[in-house]
Protein backbone atom coordinates (compact mmCIF):
# COMPACT_ATOMS: atom_id res chain seq x y z
CA VAL A 1 117.48 87.47 114.37
CA ALA A 2 115.10 89.14 111.92
CA GLN A 3 111.36 89.78 112.16
CA SER A 4 108.99 91.47 109.73
CA LEU A 5 105.44 92.73 109.76
CA GLY A 6 103.65 94.09 106.71
CA ALA A 7 100.38 94.67 104.92
CA LYS A 8 99.45 95.37 101.32
CA PHE A 9 96.22 96.72 99.86
CA SER A 10 95.54 96.24 96.14
CA ARG A 11 92.75 97.66 94.08
CA GLN A 12 91.66 97.39 90.46
CA VAL A 13 89.58 100.38 89.40
CA ARG A 14 87.84 101.42 86.21
CA TYR A 15 89.22 101.01 82.75
CA GLY A 16 92.03 98.61 83.74
CA LEU A 17 93.95 100.77 86.21
CA SER A 18 95.43 98.83 89.14
CA TRP A 19 97.29 100.19 92.15
CA ASP A 20 98.58 98.96 95.47
CA VAL A 21 99.97 100.39 98.70
CA GLY A 22 102.16 98.48 101.11
CA LEU A 23 103.43 99.19 104.63
CA GLY A 24 106.10 97.24 106.43
CA ARG A 25 108.34 97.17 109.49
CA ASP A 26 111.51 95.10 109.89
CA TRP A 27 113.44 94.40 113.08
CA ARG A 28 116.94 92.99 112.79
CA ASN A 29 119.02 92.21 115.87
CA TYR A 30 122.49 90.80 115.44
CA ILE A 31 123.97 88.32 117.92
CA GLU A 32 127.64 89.31 117.94
CA ASP A 33 128.94 92.64 119.23
CA PHE A 34 129.64 95.10 116.42
CA ALA A 35 133.33 95.94 115.87
CA SER A 36 134.49 98.69 118.26
CA MET A 37 131.18 98.58 120.16
CA SER A 38 130.24 96.75 123.32
CA GLU A 39 126.83 95.75 121.97
CA PRO A 40 125.36 94.01 118.92
CA ARG A 41 124.04 95.99 115.98
CA SER A 42 120.27 96.56 115.97
CA ASP A 43 118.31 97.88 112.96
CA ARG A 44 114.72 99.03 112.51
CA THR A 45 113.29 99.70 109.05
CA ASN A 46 109.96 101.29 108.09
CA LYS A 47 108.79 100.95 104.49
CA ILE A 48 105.96 102.27 102.37
CA SER A 49 105.46 101.32 98.72
CA VAL A 50 103.10 102.37 95.95
CA GLY A 51 102.60 100.51 92.67
CA VAL A 52 100.55 101.29 89.58
CA SER A 53 99.79 99.55 86.29
CA HIS A 54 97.22 99.68 83.51
CA ARG A 55 96.24 96.58 81.56
CA LYS A 56 95.83 98.52 78.31
CA VAL A 57 99.37 99.90 78.47
CA THR A 58 101.59 97.17 77.07
CA PHE A 59 105.14 96.59 75.92
CA ARG A 60 105.49 93.59 73.61
CA GLU A 61 102.31 92.07 75.05
CA ALA A 62 103.49 92.56 78.66
CA VAL A 63 101.87 94.92 81.15
CA PRO A 64 104.41 97.17 82.88
CA LYS A 65 104.07 97.97 86.59
CA LEU A 66 105.85 100.91 88.22
CA THR A 67 106.56 100.55 91.94
CA CYS A 68 108.31 103.03 94.23
CA ALA A 69 109.25 102.32 97.84
CA PHE A 70 110.49 104.65 100.58
CA SER A 71 112.61 103.09 103.33
CA ASP A 72 113.68 104.68 106.61
CA GLN A 73 116.28 102.58 108.41
CA ASN A 74 117.50 103.40 111.91
CA SER A 75 120.40 101.60 113.54
CA ASN A 76 122.46 101.90 116.69
CA VAL A 77 125.44 102.00 114.28
CA ALA A 78 125.33 105.36 112.45
CA LEU A 79 126.81 103.87 109.27
CA TYR A 80 123.62 101.81 108.80
CA THR A 81 121.10 104.62 109.35
CA PHE A 82 119.71 105.89 106.03
CA ASN A 83 116.66 106.79 103.95
CA SER A 84 116.16 105.56 100.41
CA ILE A 85 113.68 105.75 97.57
CA ASP A 86 113.78 102.76 95.23
CA CYS A 87 111.73 102.54 92.05
CA SER A 88 111.34 99.54 89.79
CA LEU A 89 109.62 98.67 86.56
CA ALA A 90 108.37 95.09 86.13
CA LEU A 91 106.74 93.39 83.16
CA SER A 92 103.90 90.93 83.62
CA TYR A 93 102.72 88.42 81.01
CA SER A 94 99.31 86.75 81.09
CA PHE A 95 98.82 83.42 79.35
């Protein structure tokens, strides 16, 4: 069973700069007992992300957007407890 809660704030400021900030929380509870444990696995994940783009910065007529997200996952199974930083670059076309 999985549940999520999140919010995102986006803003376009002067001269074409756009940015956004997102916060999220995920709860994931498994039904079956985890191998070698007498209880099901249970994970909690907190996330924060930041994205930025500028409409005047283009690559072949597409606007690139850089987004980085930090995740902190806690689990009752140590193997699934970790922190990560994931960054991505997306291209957006306007018609």
